[in-house]
Amino acid sequence: MPTRIIIGLMSGTSVDSIDAAIVEIRGRAPRLSVKLLHHYQANWPPQLRRRLLAAMAPAPSSAAEICELNFLTAGAFAAAVRSALQQAGVAPHRVSAVASHGQTVCHLPPRPGRRTGSTLQLGDVAVIATLTGIPTIGNFRSADMAVGGHGAPLVPWADAILLRDVKRARAIQNIGGIANVTYLPPGQGFSAVRAFDTGPGNMAIDALISIATGGRQRCDTNGHIARQGRVDDRLFAQLQAHRYFSLPPPKSTGREVFGTAFVEKILAGADGKSICDLTATLTALTAWSITDAYHRFLPRVPEEVIICGGGLHNAELIRYLAADLAKLGCRNVIPMDQLGIVNKAREAMAFAMLGAAALDGVPANLPQVTGAAKPMLLGVVAQGPDRTYKNTASRA
């Protein structure tokens, strides 16, 4: 049974940090045994983070800015790899590959009138491979979109390997910038997996707090601001009518729909509503949109809901969500860490596993999830210069 070390890299739509997961993977895809050796989290350089956020759709951005950011982002990813290896005491020559999600700046899924979607993740893989001396895999979403898929979500393939249960139906609920669910029916294979973006996660709440504080705060820490407010029923009903929530899967969304422009529109019609009340209303919307999606689109109510992503640390959001799930009949809400998977490392681990599938020549999209016409090999590989790799290895 082959054993490889692959480093997964992830930065989400909130651009909070770069997560690097050094993962030991035994076997060949999809029969993989996975062990997290080390998790490293790097903060984005503040100026680079500001530039990335400013470049994200639907904001206009120049080709020159995207070009430069593509290389700067790759440099930040490469630095995270080097720091992770140094902190873990792992020599670069032991690493089979880096698998980088990249930094999404635009995601345009298929829709009526736009048969093929498109997506753009910055962080050129050839640059990462050159700066680290390690073969690097990236551009995981493009092949799926080329055959009509949304290119998202991709992590459900890894969820099915790591988190299937023989007896219980599970929902893996990620609450990042965008919230997405993976539904795993008991004791079934990849073809039975259902997954999609449920709607906004932390993104709208974060944008509201950032605007309201002039950028002094980036999020509602532990739901403290929402806890001081009350849900505005009229605004809540208006937001519930957003067309995304009633769209059937396959579906995906992003900052283009639920980002700053979405929040600015809310603020324009706020009529003197307090920031606390607006925050409470957006927090309630995130929780409601998750449970509404379960009610509308899942085959049955899951017996367990496993929460992951940054939203796990917003106590008020989890309180709203648990109450809404209880109304559906699900009272077993579990944090990801309780299952032995480090919450902050989960998505980076998943991309390490997708990297293993790419190296093994195994399709890792799930067509019933993404809407792709067929299973596809995901990712492209940049080998990096042999001399850099050998020199790095010789110093280890």
Protein backbone atom coordinates (compact mmCIF):
# COMPACT_ATOMS: atom_id res chain seq x y z
CA MET A 1 0.00 0.00 0.00
CA PRO A 2 1.66 3.29 -1.10
CA THR A 3 2.20 6.01 1.48
CA ARG A 4 2.55 9.64 0.48
CA ILE A 5 2.78 12.98 2.21
CA ILE A 6 0.72 15.67 0.50
CA ILE A 7 0.29 19.24 1.69
CA GLY A 8 -3.19 20.66 1.18
CA LEU A 9 -3.58 24.44 0.95
CA MET A 10 -6.84 26.30 1.49
CA SER A 11 -7.97 29.89 1.69
CA GLY A 12 -11.70 30.54 1.69
CA THR A 13 -13.90 33.32 0.40
CA SER A 14 -13.45 35.32 3.60
CA VAL A 15 -9.66 35.48 3.02
CA ASP A 16 -9.16 35.00 6.75
CA SER A 17 -6.01 32.90 6.58
CA ILE A 18 -4.07 30.28 4.65
CA ASP A 19 -4.44 26.77 6.08
CA ALA A 20 -1.75 24.21 5.30
CA ALA A 21 -2.39 20.59 6.22
CA ILE A 22 0.51 18.15 6.04
CA VAL A 23 -1.26 14.85 5.46
CA GLU A 24 -0.03 11.26 5.35
CA ILE A 25 -2.12 9.33 2.83
CA ARG A 26 -2.03 5.55 2.51
CA GLY A 27 -3.54 3.66 -0.40
CA ARG A 28 -4.80 4.75 -3.79
CA ALA A 29 -7.90 6.79 -4.42
CA PRO A 30 -10.64 6.32 -3.48
CA ARG A 31 -9.50 3.76 -0.88
CA LEU A 32 -7.53 6.19 1.21
CA SER A 33 -6.44 6.16 4.83
CA VAL A 34 -5.68 9.69 6.00
CA LYS A 35 -3.67 11.02 8.94
CA LEU A 36 -3.08 14.70 9.70
CA LEU A 37 0.59 15.14 10.59
CA HIS A 38 0.52 18.87 11.13
CA HIS A 39 -1.76 21.88 10.63
CA TYR A 40 -0.32 25.34 10.09
CA GLN A 41 -2.29 28.55 9.76
CA ALA A 42 -0.76 31.69 8.26
CA ASN A 43 -2.26 35.15 8.28
CA TRP A 44 -2.47 36.90 4.95
CA PRO A 45 -0.22 39.95 4.73
CA PRO A 46 -2.70 42.78 5.48
CA GLN A 47 -2.06 44.76 2.29
CA LEU A 48 -2.33 41.66 0.09
CA ARG A 49 -5.58 40.69 1.81
CA ARG A 50 -7.03 44.16 1.16
CA ARG A 51 -6.04 43.95 -2.50
CA LEU A 52 -7.57 40.48 -2.88
CA LEU A 53 -10.85 41.58 -1.35
CA ALA A 54 -10.91 44.70 -3.51
CA ALA A 55 -10.36 42.60 -6.65
CA MET A 56 -13.15 40.13 -5.98
CA ALA A 57 -16.22 40.06 -8.19
CA PRO A 58 -18.53 41.85 -8.60
CA ALA A 59 -16.02 44.68 -8.08
CA PRO A 60 -14.27 45.78 -11.28
CA SER A 61 -10.57 44.98 -11.45
CA SER A 62 -7.86 45.47 -14.04
CA ALA A 63 -6.04 42.70 -15.85
CA ALA A 64 -2.78 44.09 -14.49
CA GLU A 65 -4.02 43.83 -10.91
CA ILE A 66 -5.23 40.24 -11.37
CA CYS A 67 -1.93 39.33 -13.05
CA GLU A 68 0.16 40.69 -10.17
CA LEU A 69 -2.12 39.22 -7.50
CA ASN A 70 -1.84 35.80 -9.13
CA PHE A 71 1.91 35.76 -8.47
CA LEU A 72 1.77 37.45 -5.06
CA THR A 73 -0.85 34.95 -3.90
CA ALA A 74 1.31 32.06 -5.08
CA GLY A 75 4.20 33.52 -3.11
CA ALA A 76 2.08 33.65 0.04
CA PHE A 77 1.01 30.03 -0.47
CA ALA A 78 4.63 28.94 -1.00
CA ALA A 79 5.69 30.75 2.17
CA ALA A 80 2.95 28.91 4.09
CA VAL A 81 4.27 25.57 2.76
CA ARG A 82 7.83 26.36 3.81
CA SER A 83 6.73 27.51 7.28
CA ALA A 84 4.51 24.47 7.77
CA LEU A 85 7.35 22.11 6.88
CA GLN A 86 9.78 23.91 9.15
CA GLN A 87 7.32 23.92 12.07
CA ALA A 88 6.51 20.22 11.57
CA GLY A 89 10.12 19.17 11.09
CA VAL A 90 9.31 17.51 7.75
CA ALA A 91 11.96 17.64 5.02
CA PRO A 92 10.67 18.89 1.63
CA HIS A 93 12.01 15.83 -0.22
CA ARG A 94 9.56 13.65 1.73
CA VAL A 95 6.56 15.49 0.24
CA SER A 96 5.00 14.01 -2.90
CA ALA A 97 2.97 17.09 -3.80
CA VAL A 98 1.31 20.29 -2.74
CA ALA A 99 -2.42 20.48 -3.54
CA SER A 100 -3.59 24.10 -3.61
CA HIS A 101 -7.18 25.25 -3.83
CA GLY A 102 -6.00 28.75 -4.68
CA GLN A 103 -7.79 31.96 -3.74
CA THR A 104 -11.15 32.39 -5.43
CA VAL A 105 -11.73 35.90 -6.75
CA CYS A 106 -14.61 35.12 -9.10
CA HIS A 107 -17.04 32.20 -9.41
CA LEU A 108 -19.72 32.29 -12.10
CA PRO A 109 -21.74 29.04 -12.06
CA PRO A 110 -23.85 27.88 -15.01
CA ARG A 111 -27.30 29.42 -15.27
CA PRO A 112 -30.01 29.86 -17.90
CA GLY A 113 -28.36 31.73 -20.74
CA ARG A 114 -24.88 30.77 -19.52
CA ARG A 115 -24.47 27.09 -20.25
CA THR A 116 -20.87 26.85 -19.13
CA GLY A 117 -19.77 28.64 -16.00
CA SER A 118 -16.31 29.88 -15.15
CA THR A 119 -14.20 30.31 -12.07
CA LEU A 120 -10.89 31.91 -11.15
CA GLN A 121 -8.59 30.95 -8.29
CA LEU A 122 -5.37 32.93 -7.95
CA GLY A 123 -2.04 31.45 -6.91
CA ASP A 124 -0.21 30.10 -9.95
CA VAL A 125 0.80 26.47 -9.35
CA ALA A 126 4.01 26.77 -11.37
CA VAL A 127 5.12 29.59 -9.09
CA ILE A 128 4.32 27.55 -5.96
CA ALA A 129 6.19 24.54 -7.38
CA THR A 130 9.20 26.67 -8.27
CA LEU A 131 9.38 28.42 -4.89
CA THR A 132 8.94 25.25 -2.85
CA GLY A 133 10.67 22.72 -5.09
CA ILE A 134 7.63 20.45 -4.69
CA PRO A 135 5.27 19.39 -7.51
CA THR A 136 2.06 21.37 -7.11
CA ILE A 137 -1.50 20.54 -8.15
CA GLY A 138 -4.13 23.23 -8.62
CA ASN A 139 -7.05 24.46 -10.74
CA PHE A 140 -9.26 21.73 -9.30
CA ARG A 141 -12.57 23.30 -10.32
CA SER A 142 -12.04 24.03 -14.01
CA ALA A 143 -12.44 20.55 -15.54
CA ASP A 144 -15.79 20.03 -13.83
CA MET A 145 -17.04 23.39 -15.11
CA ALA A 146 -15.81 22.62 -18.63
CA VAL A 147 -18.42 19.83 -18.83
CA GLY A 148 -21.28 21.89 -17.45
CA GLY A 149 -20.69 21.53 -13.72
CA HIS A 150 -20.55 24.19 -11.02
CA GLY A 151 -17.02 23.20 -10.03
CA ALA A 152 -18.36 23.12 -6.49
CA PRO A 153 -18.63 21.74 -3.98
CA LEU A 154 -15.65 19.38 -4.33
CA VAL A 155 -14.97 18.55 -0.68
CA PRO A 156 -17.94 16.09 -0.50
CA TRP A 157 -15.77 13.45 -2.22
CA ALA A 158 -13.41 13.60 0.76
CA ASP A 159 -16.31 13.85 3.23
CA ALA A 160 -17.68 10.57 1.90
CA ILE A 161 -14.35 8.83 2.54
CA LEU A 162 -13.80 10.28 6.00
CA LEU A 163 -17.25 10.65 7.51
CA ARG A 164 -19.72 8.08 6.18
CA ASP A 165 -21.57 6.20 8.89
CA VAL A 166 -23.07 2.75 8.47
CA LYS A 167 -26.23 3.42 10.48
CA ARG A 168 -26.88 7.17 10.59
CA ALA A 169 -27.62 9.77 7.95
CA ARG A 170 -25.18 12.64 8.41
CA ALA A 171 -25.09 16.21 7.20
CA ILE A 172 -21.66 17.84 7.19
CA GLN A 173 -22.48 21.53 7.46
CA ASN A 174 -19.63 23.84 6.61
CA ILE A 175 -20.16 27.49 7.57
CA GLY A 176 -17.39 29.44 5.91
CA GLY A 177 -17.90 32.63 3.93
CA ILE A 178 -20.52 30.59 2.07
CA ALA A 179 -22.35 27.74 3.81
CA ASN A 180 -22.54 24.32 2.16
CA VAL A 181 -23.85 20.92 3.14
CA THR A 182 -22.74 17.36 2.34
CA TYR A 183 -25.47 14.78 2.93
CA LEU A 184 -24.18 11.24 3.55
CA PRO A 185 -26.90 8.58 3.65
CA PRO A 186 -26.08 5.61 5.88
CA GLY A 187 -23.95 2.86 4.41
CA GLN A 188 -24.03 4.06 0.79
CA GLY A 189 -21.39 4.99 -1.77
CA PHE A 190 -20.39 8.10 -3.70
CA SER A 191 -23.42 8.00 -6.00
CA ALA A 192 -25.79 8.60 -3.08
CA VAL A 193 -23.98 11.72 -1.81
CA ARG A 194 -25.86 15.01 -2.09
CA ALA A 195 -24.19 18.37 -1.59
CA PHE A 196 -24.66 22.04 -2.48
CA ASP A 197 -24.19 25.58 -1.22
CA THR A 198 -27.06 26.45 1.12
CA GLY A 199 -26.44 30.21 0.94
CA PRO A 200 -24.54 32.80 2.98
CA GLY A 201 -22.36 31.63 5.83
CA ASN A 202 -20.25 34.25 7.60
CA MET A 203 -19.79 36.41 4.51
CA ALA A 204 -22.78 38.75 4.84
CA ILE A 205 -22.34 39.09 8.61
CA ASP A 206 -18.64 39.89 8.19
CA ALA A 207 -19.34 42.47 5.48
CA LEU A 208 -21.92 44.19 7.68
CA ILE A 209 -19.57 44.37 10.66
CA SER A 210 -16.69 45.62 8.52
CA ILE A 211 -18.79 48.38 6.95
CA ALA A 212 -20.39 49.38 10.26
CA THR A 213 -17.04 49.66 12.06
CA GLY A 214 -15.12 51.26 9.21
CA GLY A 215 -12.98 48.12 8.94
CA ARG A 216 -11.95 48.10 12.60
CA GLN A 217 -13.71 44.75 13.09
CA ARG A 218 -13.82 41.92 10.55
CA CYS A 219 -16.47 39.71 12.13
CA ASP A 220 -19.04 39.38 14.91
CA THR A 221 -16.79 37.64 17.42
CA ASN A 222 -18.71 34.81 19.10
CA GLY A 223 -21.98 36.42 17.98
CA HIS A 224 -21.65 39.17 20.60
CA ILE A 225 -23.23 41.90 18.44
CA ALA A 226 -26.08 39.71 17.20
CA ARG A 227 -26.82 38.71 20.80
CA GLN A 228 -27.55 42.34 21.64
CA GLY A 229 -30.05 42.74 18.80
CA ARG A 230 -33.45 41.46 17.72
CA VAL A 231 -34.42 39.93 14.40
CA ASP A 232 -36.31 42.44 12.25
CA ASP A 233 -39.23 40.34 11.03
CA ARG A 234 -40.02 42.47 8.01
CA LEU A 235 -36.44 42.55 6.73
CA PHE A 236 -36.06 38.84 7.52
CA ALA A 237 -39.09 37.99 5.36
CA GLN A 238 -37.71 40.08 2.50
CA LEU A 239 -34.36 38.30 2.66
CA GLN A 240 -36.03 34.87 2.80
CA ALA A 241 -37.53 35.62 -0.61
CA HIS A 242 -34.10 35.73 -2.28
CA ARG A 243 -34.28 33.58 -5.38
CA TYR A 244 -31.17 31.55 -4.54
CA PHE A 245 -32.88 29.76 -1.67
CA SER A 246 -35.56 28.21 -3.88
CA LEU A 247 -33.18 27.14 -6.67
CA PRO A 248 -32.88 23.34 -6.73
CA PRO A 249 -29.43 21.69 -6.65
CA PRO A 250 -26.96 21.42 -8.26
CA LYS A 251 -26.20 24.96 -7.18
CA SER A 252 -23.33 27.06 -5.89
CA THR A 253 -22.89 30.69 -4.95
CA GLY A 254 -20.32 33.16 -3.73
CA ARG A 255 -19.34 36.72 -3.00
CA GLU A 256 -20.95 37.80 -6.26
CA VAL A 257 -24.37 37.08 -4.71
CA PHE A 258 -23.98 37.39 -0.91
CA GLY A 259 -20.98 39.70 -0.53
CA THR A 260 -20.56 43.41 0.10
CA ALA A 261 -23.02 44.51 -2.60
CA PHE A 262 -25.74 42.36 -0.98
CA VAL A 263 -25.10 43.99 2.40
CA GLU A 264 -24.88 47.52 0.98
CA LYS A 265 -28.33 47.04 -0.53
CA ILE A 266 -29.65 46.01 2.89
CA LEU A 267 -28.04 49.03 4.53
CA ALA A 268 -29.51 51.36 1.91
CA GLY A 269 -33.00 50.34 3.02
CA ALA A 270 -32.23 49.97 6.71
CA ASP A 271 -34.39 52.94 7.80
CA GLY A 272 -32.49 53.57 11.00
CA LYS A 273 -32.28 49.94 12.11
CA SER A 274 -29.47 49.33 14.58
CA ILE A 275 -26.37 47.39 13.62
CA CYS A 276 -27.19 44.94 16.40
CA ASP A 277 -30.63 44.25 14.90
CA LEU A 278 -29.23 43.96 11.39
CA THR A 279 -26.55 41.55 12.60
CA ALA A 280 -29.13 39.46 14.43
CA THR A 281 -31.27 39.37 11.28
CA LEU A 282 -28.40 38.24 9.03
CA THR A 283 -27.35 35.66 11.62
CA ALA A 284 -30.90 34.29 11.70
CA LEU A 285 -30.94 34.27 7.89
CA THR A 286 -27.83 32.09 7.70
CA ALA A 287 -29.30 29.60 10.18
CA TRP A 288 -32.71 29.58 8.48
CA SER A 289 -31.23 29.16 4.98
CA ILE A 290 -29.39 26.03 6.14
CA THR A 291 -32.44 24.36 7.67
CA ASP A 292 -34.71 25.50 4.85
CA ALA A 293 -32.34 23.83 2.38
CA TYR A 294 -32.48 20.60 4.39
CA HIS A 295 -36.28 20.72 4.36
CA ARG A 296 -36.51 21.45 0.64
CA PHE A 297 -33.70 19.41 -0.87
CA LEU A 298 -32.37 16.60 1.34
CA PRO A 299 -33.89 13.12 0.96
CA ARG A 300 -34.55 13.02 4.71
CA VAL A 301 -33.71 14.89 7.88
CA PRO A 302 -30.22 13.79 9.00
CA GLU A 303 -29.81 12.12 12.36
CA GLU A 304 -26.56 14.02 12.91
CA VAL A 305 -25.43 17.44 11.78
CA ILE A 306 -21.66 17.94 12.01
CA ILE A 307 -20.69 21.61 12.05
CA CYS A 308 -17.39 22.88 10.67
CA GLY A 309 -15.89 26.10 9.35
CA GLY A 310 -15.42 29.47 11.00
CA GLY A 311 -19.13 29.75 11.80
CA LEU A 312 -18.67 27.04 14.42
CA HIS A 313 -17.09 29.72 16.62
CA ASN A 314 -20.11 32.06 16.41
CA ALA A 315 -22.10 30.92 19.44
CA GLU A 316 -25.18 32.96 18.53
CA LEU A 317 -25.28 31.54 15.00
CA ILE A 318 -24.99 27.99 16.38
CA ARG A 319 -27.77 28.75 18.88
CA TYR A 320 -30.09 29.90 16.07
CA LEU A 321 -29.12 26.90 13.94
CA ALA A 322 -29.64 24.34 16.71
CA ALA A 323 -33.09 25.78 17.42
CA ASP A 324 -34.07 25.65 13.75
CA LEU A 325 -32.75 22.10 13.35
CA ALA A 326 -34.71 20.98 16.41
CA LYS A 327 -37.89 22.14 14.67
CA LEU A 328 -37.01 19.72 11.86
CA GLY A 329 -36.52 16.92 14.37
CA CYS A 330 -32.71 16.90 14.47
CA ARG A 331 -31.23 17.53 17.91
CA ASN A 332 -27.82 15.93 17.45
CA VAL A 333 -25.52 18.81 16.47
CA ILE A 334 -21.82 17.94 16.74
CA PRO A 335 -18.67 20.06 16.25
CA MET A 336 -16.25 18.58 13.70
CA ASP A 337 -13.39 18.34 16.21
CA GLN A 338 -15.45 15.91 18.30
CA LEU A 339 -15.04 13.34 15.50
CA GLY A 340 -11.26 13.62 15.59
CA ILE A 341 -10.93 15.87 12.52
CA VAL A 342 -9.40 19.28 13.20
CA ASN A 343 -12.01 21.81 12.12
CA LYS A 344 -9.54 24.38 10.84
CA ALA A 345 -7.65 21.75 8.84
CA ARG A 346 -10.64 19.95 7.31
CA GLU A 347 -10.78 21.67 3.91
CA ALA A 348 -7.00 21.72 3.46
CA MET A 349 -7.01 17.98 4.27
CA ALA A 350 -9.73 17.47 1.68
CA PHE A 351 -7.64 19.14 -1.01
CA ALA A 352 -4.67 16.97 -0.07
CA MET A 353 -6.96 13.99 -0.74
CA LEU A 354 -8.11 15.52 -4.05
CA GLY A 355 -4.42 15.90 -4.88
CA ALA A 356 -3.93 12.17 -4.24
CA ALA A 357 -6.82 11.43 -6.61
CA ALA A 358 -5.18 13.61 -9.26
CA LEU A 359 -1.87 11.77 -8.91
CA ASP A 360 -3.69 8.42 -9.07
CA GLY A 361 -5.65 9.41 -12.19
CA VAL A 362 -9.01 8.97 -10.42
CA PRO A 363 -11.99 11.30 -11.10
CA ALA A 364 -13.00 13.04 -7.87
CA ASN A 365 -15.92 15.23 -8.83
CA LEU A 366 -19.39 13.90 -8.06
CA PRO A 367 -21.56 14.70 -11.11
CA GLN A 368 -24.84 14.47 -9.19
CA VAL A 369 -23.44 17.11 -6.83
CA THR A 370 -21.83 19.55 -9.26
CA GLY A 371 -24.09 19.01 -12.27
CA ALA A 372 -21.18 17.97 -14.49
CA ALA A 373 -21.97 15.79 -17.50
CA LYS A 374 -19.50 13.12 -16.40
CA PRO A 375 -16.80 12.24 -13.85
CA MET A 376 -13.63 14.23 -14.44
CA LEU A 377 -10.00 14.14 -13.41
CA LEU A 378 -9.49 17.28 -11.35
CA GLY A 379 -6.43 19.49 -11.21
CA VAL A 380 -3.32 20.23 -13.22
CA VAL A 381 0.23 19.46 -12.08
CA ALA A 382 3.24 21.76 -12.19
CA GLN A 383 6.36 19.69 -11.60
CA GLY A 384 8.73 22.46 -10.60
CA PRO A 385 12.43 22.61 -11.53
CA ASP A 386 14.33 19.42 -10.72
CA ARG A 387 17.35 21.39 -9.60
CA THR A 388 15.34 23.31 -7.00
CA TYR A 389 13.78 20.12 -5.72
CA LYS A 390 17.11 18.28 -5.48
CA ASN A 391 18.86 21.20 -3.84
CA THR A 392 16.07 21.55 -1.28
CA ALA A 393 16.17 17.81 -0.61
CA SER A 394 19.94 17.80 -0.19
CA ARG A 395 19.71 20.44 2.52
CA ALA A 396 17.10 18.48 4.53
